[in-house]
Amino acid sequence: MTDSVSADQLTFVEAGHAPARRIAVRARSGGAPGLFWLGGFNSDMNGTKAQALDAWAAEHARACVRFDYSGHGESGGQFVDGTIGRWLEDALAVFEQFCTGGQVVIGSSMGGWIALLLVRELKRRKTKASLAGLVLIAPAPDFTEELMWKGFSREARREIEEKGIWHRPSDYGDPYPITKNLIEEGRNHLILGAAIDVGCPVRIVQGAQDPDVPWQHAMRLTHRLPAEDVVLTMIQDGDHRLSRPQDIARIIAAVAEMSL
């Protein structure tokens, strides 16, 4: 590790208002383009992929920022209070405080949706950072509507509408809450109905055996992105997590390509 790279240390920033949310951040200093990690729904910044990317950044003297959305991991707040808009606000607060120069934004699952929304919002603002590229891992734009609500059983929908919450079984641990607010607020951020202008190279890594975000969803996204410099890599035996060594190697290769 070079002198220009310091070990990432836990710090906190505030996002939102009345009251502000305490967002946990681990930021590693280093050169550009830096890496900005956006995790998935109900995951945290200490997952296998996030740590592998941070280790790669350290090895290559690159800056790397990762954080937990409110209600996730080491951040404050309750998961049940989360919405797409709130988690986007968290991401913007962290990006604007910690990122300068070129940035490769890496979004996993829900983080892929947040990444696309982040890019759109950054175009409206003056920031110290610019986008060198997007790497989207099993991206799930519009998932609250397309992959949740439309696929839920009649009973699950009724419980959400009448009780305001339904606990969805999960293959990754305990059932997790799906709230009426999450579904309804998510409709304010749907993006697959029109062209998505990102203004930078995009690399998508998708597992063909993904049970949570089908590969057809990634294909639908590519049709909304500009035709130039968008590459979809399909891993034929890949699942949703894409956390095997060979999967991580492909993700890192996509990130490294943005630095050439």
C-alpha atoms as a PDB file:
ATOM      1  CA  MET A   1       0.000   0.000   0.000  1.00  0.00           C
ATOM      2  CA  THR A   2       1.354   3.432  -0.887  1.00  0.00           C
ATOM      3  CA  ASP A   3       1.598   6.402   1.421  1.00  0.00           C
ATOM      4  CA  SER A   4      -1.225   8.090  -0.472  1.00  0.00           C
ATOM      5  CA  VAL A   5      -3.728   5.477   0.701  1.00  0.00           C
ATOM      6  CA  SER A   6      -4.945   5.349   4.274  1.00  0.00           C
ATOM      7  CA  ALA A   7      -6.917   2.528   5.811  1.00  0.00           C
ATOM      8  CA  ASP A   8     -10.624   3.232   5.698  1.00  0.00           C
ATOM      9  CA  GLN A   9     -11.992   4.398   9.025  1.00  0.00           C
ATOM     10  CA  LEU A  10     -15.588   4.521  10.173  1.00  0.00           C
ATOM     11  CA  THR A  11     -17.075   7.995  10.177  1.00  0.00           C
ATOM     12  CA  PHE A  12     -20.592   9.386  10.125  1.00  0.00           C
ATOM     13  CA  VAL A  13     -22.428  12.030   8.117  1.00  0.00           C
ATOM     14  CA  GLU A  14     -25.943  13.377   8.382  1.00  0.00           C
ATOM     15  CA  ALA A  15     -28.570  13.063   5.682  1.00  0.00           C
ATOM     16  CA  GLY A  16     -32.101  14.372   5.516  1.00  0.00           C
ATOM     17  CA  HIS A  17     -33.920  16.713   7.830  1.00  0.00           C
ATOM     18  CA  ALA A  18     -36.093  16.758  10.930  1.00  0.00           C
ATOM     19  CA  PRO A  19     -34.484  14.648  12.216  1.00  0.00           C
ATOM     20  CA  ALA A  20     -31.341  14.004  10.210  1.00  0.00           C
ATOM     21  CA  ARG A  21     -30.199  10.406   9.751  1.00  0.00           C
ATOM     22  CA  ARG A  22     -26.751   9.246  10.893  1.00  0.00           C
ATOM     23  CA  ILE A  23     -25.055   7.518   7.956  1.00  0.00           C
ATOM     24  CA  ALA A  24     -22.020   5.278   8.500  1.00  0.00           C
ATOM     25  CA  VAL A  25     -19.224   5.732   5.945  1.00  0.00           C
ATOM     26  CA  ARG A  26     -15.860   4.089   5.312  1.00  0.00           C
ATOM     27  CA  ALA A  27     -13.742   6.235   3.021  1.00  0.00           C
ATOM     28  CA  ARG A  28     -10.290   5.302   1.785  1.00  0.00           C
ATOM     29  CA  SER A  29      -8.103   8.053   0.343  1.00  0.00           C
ATOM     30  CA  GLY A  30      -6.285   7.519  -2.931  1.00  0.00           C
ATOM     31  CA  GLY A  31      -6.088   8.442  -6.567  1.00  0.00           C
ATOM     32  CA  ALA A  32      -8.729   8.853  -9.242  1.00  0.00           C
ATOM     33  CA  PRO A  33     -10.920   7.542 -10.524  1.00  0.00           C
ATOM     34  CA  GLY A  34     -12.233   6.616  -7.121  1.00  0.00           C
ATOM     35  CA  LEU A  35     -14.757   3.898  -6.380  1.00  0.00           C
ATOM     36  CA  PHE A  36     -18.182   4.670  -4.920  1.00  0.00           C
ATOM     37  CA  TRP A  37     -20.086   1.641  -3.676  1.00  0.00           C
ATOM     38  CA  LEU A  38     -23.883   1.399  -3.527  1.00  0.00           C
ATOM     39  CA  GLY A  39     -25.119  -1.761  -1.832  1.00  0.00           C
ATOM     40  CA  GLY A  40     -28.328  -3.686  -2.231  1.00  0.00           C
ATOM     41  CA  PHE A  41     -31.646  -3.886  -0.413  1.00  0.00           C
ATOM     42  CA  ASN A  42     -31.138  -5.034   3.178  1.00  0.00           C
ATOM     43  CA  SER A  43     -27.364  -5.482   2.704  1.00  0.00           C
ATOM     44  CA  ASP A  44     -24.432  -3.532   4.121  1.00  0.00           C
ATOM     45  CA  MET A  45     -20.999  -2.181   3.192  1.00  0.00           C
ATOM     46  CA  ASN A  46     -19.160  -5.111   4.781  1.00  0.00           C
ATOM     47  CA  GLY A  47     -20.379  -7.659   2.252  1.00  0.00           C
ATOM     48  CA  THR A  48     -18.032  -9.790   0.151  1.00  0.00           C
ATOM     49  CA  LYS A  49     -18.178  -7.653  -3.003  1.00  0.00           C
ATOM     50  CA  ALA A  50     -17.785  -4.340  -1.179  1.00  0.00           C
ATOM     51  CA  GLN A  51     -14.781  -5.554   0.776  1.00  0.00           C
ATOM     52  CA  ALA A  52     -13.180  -7.069  -2.318  1.00  0.00           C
ATOM     53  CA  LEU A  53     -13.497  -3.757  -4.160  1.00  0.00           C
ATOM     54  CA  ASP A  54     -12.066  -1.872  -1.200  1.00  0.00           C
ATOM     55  CA  ALA A  55      -9.107  -4.277  -1.093  1.00  0.00           C
ATOM     56  CA  TRP A  56      -8.545  -3.765  -4.829  1.00  0.00           C
ATOM     57  CA  ALA A  57      -8.662   0.000  -4.337  1.00  0.00           C
ATOM     58  CA  ALA A  58      -6.084  -0.235  -1.550  1.00  0.00           C
ATOM     59  CA  GLU A  59      -3.796  -2.378  -3.703  1.00  0.00           C
ATOM     60  CA  HIS A  60      -4.005   0.090  -6.591  1.00  0.00           C
ATOM     61  CA  ALA A  61      -3.818   3.280  -4.505  1.00  0.00           C
ATOM     62  CA  ARG A  62      -7.346   4.270  -5.465  1.00  0.00           C
ATOM     63  CA  ALA A  63      -9.901   6.123  -3.394  1.00  0.00           C
ATOM     64  CA  CYS A  64     -12.894   4.084  -2.291  1.00  0.00           C
ATOM     65  CA  VAL A  65     -16.069   5.159  -0.505  1.00  0.00           C
ATOM     66  CA  ARG A  66     -18.684   2.765   0.836  1.00  0.00           C
ATOM     67  CA  PHE A  67     -21.528   3.415   3.256  1.00  0.00           C
ATOM     68  CA  ASP A  68     -24.676   1.954   4.755  1.00  0.00           C
ATOM     69  CA  TYR A  69     -28.078   3.353   3.883  1.00  0.00           C
ATOM     70  CA  SER A  70     -30.188   4.442   6.837  1.00  0.00           C
ATOM     71  CA  GLY A  71     -31.654   1.407   8.563  1.00  0.00           C
ATOM     72  CA  HIS A  72     -28.821  -0.761   7.228  1.00  0.00           C
ATOM     73  CA  GLY A  73     -25.608  -2.009   8.831  1.00  0.00           C
ATOM     74  CA  GLU A  74     -23.871   0.553  11.035  1.00  0.00           C
ATOM     75  CA  SER A  75     -26.092   3.507  10.102  1.00  0.00           C
ATOM     76  CA  GLY A  76     -28.842   4.891  12.263  1.00  0.00           C
ATOM     77  CA  GLY A  77     -32.551   4.606  11.654  1.00  0.00           C
ATOM     78  CA  GLN A  78     -34.924   1.707  11.151  1.00  0.00           C
ATOM     79  CA  PHE A  79     -35.021  -0.414   8.004  1.00  0.00           C
ATOM     80  CA  VAL A  80     -38.808  -0.368   8.080  1.00  0.00           C
ATOM     81  CA  ASP A  81     -38.770   3.422   7.593  1.00  0.00           C
ATOM     82  CA  GLY A  82     -36.678   3.227   4.421  1.00  0.00           C
ATOM     83  CA  THR A  83     -37.755   4.253   0.931  1.00  0.00           C
ATOM     84  CA  ILE A  84     -35.961   4.617  -2.392  1.00  0.00           C
ATOM     85  CA  GLY A  85     -36.072   8.398  -2.088  1.00  0.00           C
ATOM     86  CA  ARG A  86     -34.627   8.329   1.405  1.00  0.00           C
ATOM     87  CA  TRP A  87     -31.798   5.977   0.428  1.00  0.00           C
ATOM     88  CA  LEU A  88     -31.056   8.128  -2.630  1.00  0.00           C
ATOM     89  CA  GLU A  89     -30.805  11.110  -0.303  1.00  0.00           C
ATOM     90  CA  ASP A  90     -28.329   9.159   1.844  1.00  0.00           C
ATOM     91  CA  ALA A  91     -26.223   8.361  -1.232  1.00  0.00           C
ATOM     92  CA  LEU A  92     -26.186  11.983  -2.389  1.00  0.00           C
ATOM     93  CA  ALA A  93     -25.110  13.231   1.037  1.00  0.00           C
ATOM     94  CA  VAL A  94     -22.184  10.792   1.136  1.00  0.00           C
ATOM     95  CA  PHE A  95     -21.167  11.362  -2.496  1.00  0.00           C
ATOM     96  CA  GLU A  96     -21.133  15.146  -2.196  1.00  0.00           C
ATOM     97  CA  GLN A  97     -19.114  15.092   1.027  1.00  0.00           C
ATOM     98  CA  PHE A  98     -16.517  12.433   0.173  1.00  0.00           C
ATOM     99  CA  CYS A  99     -16.097  12.309  -3.604  1.00  0.00           C
ATOM    100  CA  THR A 100     -13.858  14.511  -5.738  1.00  0.00           C
ATOM    101  CA  GLY A 101     -12.465  13.984  -9.220  1.00  0.00           C
ATOM    102  CA  GLY A 102     -13.519  11.102 -11.430  1.00  0.00           C
ATOM    103  CA  GLN A 103     -15.639   8.371  -9.857  1.00  0.00           C
ATOM    104  CA  VAL A 104     -16.643   4.868 -10.884  1.00  0.00           C
ATOM    105  CA  VAL A 105     -20.046   4.272  -9.289  1.00  0.00           C
ATOM    106  CA  ILE A 106     -20.691   0.607  -8.559  1.00  0.00           C
ATOM    107  CA  GLY A 107     -24.261  -0.401  -7.738  1.00  0.00           C
ATOM    108  CA  SER A 108     -25.391  -3.857  -6.681  1.00  0.00           C
ATOM    109  CA  SER A 109     -29.044  -4.884  -7.107  1.00  0.00           C
ATOM    110  CA  MET A 110     -31.038  -2.001  -5.550  1.00  0.00           C
ATOM    111  CA  GLY A 111     -27.763  -0.087  -5.646  1.00  0.00           C
ATOM    112  CA  GLY A 112     -27.975  -0.235  -9.427  1.00  0.00           C
ATOM    113  CA  TRP A 113     -31.263   1.665  -9.286  1.00  0.00           C
ATOM    114  CA  ILE A 114     -29.836   4.142  -6.764  1.00  0.00           C
ATOM    115  CA  ALA A 115     -26.787   4.598  -9.039  1.00  0.00           C
ATOM    116  CA  LEU A 116     -28.944   5.554 -12.021  1.00  0.00           C
ATOM    117  CA  LEU A 117     -31.002   7.941  -9.890  1.00  0.00           C
ATOM    118  CA  LEU A 118     -27.786   9.394  -8.449  1.00  0.00           C
ATOM    119  CA  VAL A 119     -26.425  10.100 -11.931  1.00  0.00           C
ATOM    120  CA  ARG A 120     -29.634  11.889 -12.882  1.00  0.00           C
ATOM    121  CA  GLU A 121     -29.566  13.998  -9.738  1.00  0.00           C
ATOM    122  CA  LEU A 122     -25.870  14.863 -10.049  1.00  0.00           C
ATOM    123  CA  LYS A 123     -26.544  16.353 -13.465  1.00  0.00           C
ATOM    124  CA  ARG A 124     -28.775  18.903 -11.752  1.00  0.00           C
ATOM    125  CA  ARG A 125     -26.129  19.874  -9.211  1.00  0.00           C
ATOM    126  CA  LYS A 126     -22.629  21.318  -9.188  1.00  0.00           C
ATOM    127  CA  THR A 127     -20.353  18.760  -7.548  1.00  0.00           C
ATOM    128  CA  LYS A 128     -16.627  18.339  -6.998  1.00  0.00           C
ATOM    129  CA  ALA A 129     -16.771  14.943  -8.681  1.00  0.00           C
ATOM    130  CA  SER A 130     -17.433  13.662 -12.185  1.00  0.00           C
ATOM    131  CA  LEU A 131     -18.484  10.241 -13.447  1.00  0.00           C
ATOM    132  CA  ALA A 132     -15.872   8.005 -15.045  1.00  0.00           C
ATOM    133  CA  GLY A 133     -18.291   5.117 -15.420  1.00  0.00           C
ATOM    134  CA  LEU A 134     -21.037   2.924 -13.987  1.00  0.00           C
ATOM    135  CA  VAL A 135     -20.677  -0.734 -13.036  1.00  0.00           C
ATOM    136  CA  LEU A 136     -24.057  -2.305 -12.293  1.00  0.00           C
ATOM    137  CA  ILE A 137     -24.243  -5.746 -10.692  1.00  0.00           C
ATOM    138  CA  ALA A 138     -27.595  -7.521 -11.155  1.00  0.00           C
ATOM    139  CA  PRO A 139     -29.170  -4.062 -11.355  1.00  0.00           C
ATOM    140  CA  ALA A 140     -32.731  -3.774 -10.093  1.00  0.00           C
ATOM    141  CA  PRO A 141     -34.217  -0.463 -11.262  1.00  0.00           C
ATOM    142  CA  ASP A 142     -37.931  -0.148 -10.501  1.00  0.00           C
ATOM    143  CA  PHE A 143     -37.788  -3.352  -8.446  1.00  0.00           C
ATOM    144  CA  THR A 144     -40.398  -2.225  -5.896  1.00  0.00           C
ATOM    145  CA  GLU A 145     -42.958  -2.154  -8.718  1.00  0.00           C
ATOM    146  CA  GLU A 146     -41.708  -4.607 -11.341  1.00  0.00           C
ATOM    147  CA  LEU A 147     -40.118  -7.302  -9.180  1.00  0.00           C
ATOM    148  CA  MET A 148     -42.095  -6.895  -5.960  1.00  0.00           C
ATOM    149  CA  TRP A 149     -45.595  -5.467  -6.298  1.00  0.00           C
ATOM    150  CA  LYS A 150     -46.459  -7.001  -9.661  1.00  0.00           C
ATOM    151  CA  GLY A 151     -45.225 -10.400  -8.496  1.00  0.00           C
ATOM    152  CA  PHE A 152     -46.775 -10.461  -5.042  1.00  0.00           C
ATOM    153  CA  SER A 153     -49.692 -12.728  -4.292  1.00  0.00           C
ATOM    154  CA  ARG A 154     -53.149 -11.277  -3.798  1.00  0.00           C
ATOM    155  CA  GLU A 155     -52.837 -12.043  -0.084  1.00  0.00           C
ATOM    156  CA  ALA A 156     -49.516 -10.209   0.240  1.00  0.00           C
ATOM    157  CA  ARG A 157     -50.874  -7.158  -1.572  1.00  0.00           C
ATOM    158  CA  ARG A 158     -53.954  -7.101   0.631  1.00  0.00           C
ATOM    159  CA  GLU A 159     -51.829  -7.266   3.780  1.00  0.00           C
ATOM    160  CA  ILE A 160     -49.668  -4.372   2.568  1.00  0.00           C
ATOM    161  CA  GLU A 161     -52.688  -2.271   1.658  1.00  0.00           C
ATOM    162  CA  GLU A 162     -54.659  -3.001   4.821  1.00  0.00           C
ATOM    163  CA  LYS A 163     -51.900  -3.300   7.447  1.00  0.00           C
ATOM    164  CA  GLY A 164     -49.234  -1.177   5.778  1.00  0.00           C
ATOM    165  CA  ILE A 165     -46.633  -3.928   6.008  1.00  0.00           C
ATOM    166  CA  TRP A 166     -45.926  -7.535   4.975  1.00  0.00           C
ATOM    167  CA  HIS A 167     -42.969  -9.652   6.014  1.00  0.00           C
ATOM    168  CA  ARG A 168     -41.532 -11.291   2.931  1.00  0.00           C
ATOM    169  CA  PRO A 169     -39.715 -14.625   3.335  1.00  0.00           C
ATOM    170  CA  SER A 170     -36.048 -14.482   2.348  1.00  0.00           C
ATOM    171  CA  ASP A 171     -33.489 -17.036   1.204  1.00  0.00           C
ATOM    172  CA  TYR A 172     -30.784 -14.925   2.864  1.00  0.00           C
ATOM    173  CA  GLY A 173     -32.053 -14.835   6.457  1.00  0.00           C
ATOM    174  CA  ASP A 174     -35.121 -13.758   8.434  1.00  0.00           C
ATOM    175  CA  PRO A 175     -38.199 -12.424   6.658  1.00  0.00           C
ATOM    176  CA  TYR A 176     -37.923  -8.705   5.991  1.00  0.00           C
ATOM    177  CA  PRO A 177     -40.601  -6.032   6.014  1.00  0.00           C
ATOM    178  CA  ILE A 178     -42.106  -4.647   2.825  1.00  0.00           C
ATOM    179  CA  THR A 179     -44.064  -1.512   3.649  1.00  0.00           C
ATOM    180  CA  LYS A 180     -46.818   0.281   1.811  1.00  0.00           C
ATOM    181  CA  ASN A 181     -44.681   3.403   1.975  1.00  0.00           C
ATOM    182  CA  LEU A 182     -41.757   1.628   0.252  1.00  0.00           C
ATOM    183  CA  ILE A 183     -44.000   0.543  -2.631  1.00  0.00           C
ATOM    184  CA  GLU A 184     -45.869   3.808  -3.047  1.00  0.00           C
ATOM    185  CA  GLU A 185     -42.838   6.090  -2.667  1.00  0.00           C
ATOM    186  CA  GLY A 186     -40.896   3.926  -5.103  1.00  0.00           C
ATOM    187  CA  ARG A 187     -43.354   4.923  -7.825  1.00  0.00           C
ATOM    188  CA  ASN A 188     -41.907   8.436  -7.691  1.00  0.00           C
ATOM    189  CA  HIS A 189     -38.557   7.101  -8.945  1.00  0.00           C
ATOM    190  CA  LEU A 190     -39.441   4.670 -11.739  1.00  0.00           C
ATOM    191  CA  ILE A 191     -37.027   5.029 -14.664  1.00  0.00           C
ATOM    192  CA  LEU A 192     -37.556   2.138 -17.083  1.00  0.00           C
ATOM    193  CA  GLY A 193     -40.342   3.870 -18.955  1.00  0.00           C
ATOM    194  CA  ALA A 194     -38.023   6.215 -20.864  1.00  0.00           C
ATOM    195  CA  ALA A 195     -34.458   6.592 -22.129  1.00  0.00           C
ATOM    196  CA  ILE A 196     -31.804   6.915 -19.425  1.00  0.00           C
ATOM    197  CA  ASP A 197     -29.033   9.372 -20.261  1.00  0.00           C
ATOM    198  CA  VAL A 198     -26.017   8.576 -18.086  1.00  0.00           C
ATOM    199  CA  GLY A 199     -23.250  10.318 -20.034  1.00  0.00           C
ATOM    200  CA  CYS A 200     -20.563   7.753 -19.202  1.00  0.00           C
ATOM    201  CA  PRO A 201     -19.579   4.135 -19.994  1.00  0.00           C
ATOM    202  CA  VAL A 202     -21.751   1.433 -18.419  1.00  0.00           C
ATOM    203  CA  ARG A 203     -20.818  -2.153 -17.605  1.00  0.00           C
ATOM    204  CA  ILE A 204     -23.518  -4.553 -16.405  1.00  0.00           C
ATOM    205  CA  VAL A 205     -22.699  -7.909 -14.805  1.00  0.00           C
ATOM    206  CA  GLN A 206     -25.687 -10.250 -14.552  1.00  0.00           C
ATOM    207  CA  GLY A 207     -26.212 -13.853 -13.477  1.00  0.00           C
ATOM    208  CA  ALA A 208     -28.383 -15.926 -15.811  1.00  0.00           C
ATOM    209  CA  GLN A 209     -29.543 -18.036 -12.835  1.00  0.00           C
ATOM    210  CA  ASP A 210     -30.546 -15.037 -10.705  1.00  0.00           C
ATOM    211  CA  PRO A 211     -33.886 -15.824  -8.992  1.00  0.00           C
ATOM    212  CA  ASP A 212     -34.351 -12.300  -7.614  1.00  0.00           C
ATOM    213  CA  VAL A 213     -33.478 -10.073 -10.580  1.00  0.00           C
ATOM    214  CA  PRO A 214     -34.067 -12.082 -13.778  1.00  0.00           C
ATOM    215  CA  TRP A 215     -31.630 -11.555 -16.634  1.00  0.00           C
ATOM    216  CA  GLN A 216     -34.505 -10.232 -18.721  1.00  0.00           C
ATOM    217  CA  HIS A 217     -34.655  -7.258 -16.341  1.00  0.00           C
ATOM    218  CA  ALA A 218     -31.030  -6.402 -17.141  1.00  0.00           C
ATOM    219  CA  MET A 219     -31.811  -6.678 -20.853  1.00  0.00           C
ATOM    220  CA  ARG A 220     -34.728  -4.299 -20.435  1.00  0.00           C
ATOM    221  CA  LEU A 221     -32.394  -1.808 -18.773  1.00  0.00           C
ATOM    222  CA  THR A 222     -29.844  -1.996 -21.596  1.00  0.00           C
ATOM    223  CA  HIS A 223     -32.555  -1.008 -24.077  1.00  0.00           C
ATOM    224  CA  ARG A 224     -33.090   2.205 -22.104  1.00  0.00           C
ATOM    225  CA  LEU A 225     -29.382   3.116 -22.037  1.00  0.00           C
ATOM    226  CA  PRO A 226     -27.446   4.806 -24.859  1.00  0.00           C
ATOM    227  CA  ALA A 227     -26.249   2.388 -27.532  1.00  0.00           C
ATOM    228  CA  GLU A 228     -22.618   3.460 -27.262  1.00  0.00           C
ATOM    229  CA  ASP A 229     -20.247   2.027 -24.646  1.00  0.00           C
ATOM    230  CA  VAL A 230     -22.748  -0.157 -22.797  1.00  0.00           C
ATOM    231  CA  VAL A 231     -21.643  -3.765 -22.237  1.00  0.00           C
ATOM    232  CA  LEU A 232     -23.700  -6.515 -20.618  1.00  0.00           C
ATOM    233  CA  THR A 233     -21.764  -9.511 -19.321  1.00  0.00           C
ATOM    234  CA  MET A 234     -23.973 -12.544 -18.696  1.00  0.00           C
ATOM    235  CA  ILE A 235     -22.583 -15.136 -16.280  1.00  0.00           C
ATOM    236  CA  GLN A 236     -24.352 -18.300 -17.330  1.00  0.00           C
ATOM    237  CA  ASP A 237     -24.153 -20.074 -13.965  1.00  0.00           C
ATOM    238  CA  GLY A 238     -24.273 -16.888 -11.855  1.00  0.00           C
ATOM    239  CA  ASP A 239     -26.847 -16.299  -9.121  1.00  0.00           C
ATOM    240  CA  HIS A 240     -27.985 -13.023  -7.561  1.00  0.00           C
ATOM    241  CA  ARG A 241     -25.135 -12.544  -5.146  1.00  0.00           C
ATOM    242  CA  LEU A 242     -22.320 -12.893  -7.695  1.00  0.00           C
ATOM    243  CA  SER A 243     -19.874 -13.212  -4.795  1.00  0.00           C
ATOM    244  CA  ARG A 244     -17.799 -16.201  -5.941  1.00  0.00           C
ATOM    245  CA  PRO A 245     -14.132 -15.480  -6.697  1.00  0.00           C
ATOM    246  CA  GLN A 246     -14.734 -15.767 -10.436  1.00  0.00           C
ATOM    247  CA  ASP A 247     -17.716 -13.389 -10.219  1.00  0.00           C
ATOM    248  CA  ILE A 248     -15.747 -10.831  -8.244  1.00  0.00           C
ATOM    249  CA  ALA A 249     -12.901 -11.083 -10.758  1.00  0.00           C
ATOM    250  CA  ARG A 250     -15.335 -10.105 -13.543  1.00  0.00           C
ATOM    251  CA  ILE A 251     -16.688  -7.194 -11.503  1.00  0.00           C
ATOM    252  CA  ILE A 252     -13.184  -5.925 -10.739  1.00  0.00           C
ATOM    253  CA  ALA A 253     -12.233  -6.266 -14.407  1.00  0.00           C
ATOM    254  CA  ALA A 254     -15.181  -4.036 -15.299  1.00  0.00           C
ATOM    255  CA  VAL A 255     -14.112  -1.477 -12.693  1.00  0.00           C
ATOM    256  CA  ALA A 256     -10.482  -1.589 -13.868  1.00  0.00           C
ATOM    257  CA  GLU A 257     -11.595  -1.006 -17.461  1.00  0.00           C
ATOM    258  CA  MET A 258     -12.947   2.394 -16.414  1.00  0.00           C
ATOM    259  CA  SER A 259      -9.417   3.457 -15.462  1.00  0.00           C
ATOM    260  CA  LEU A 260      -7.768   2.788 -18.815  1.00  0.00           C
END
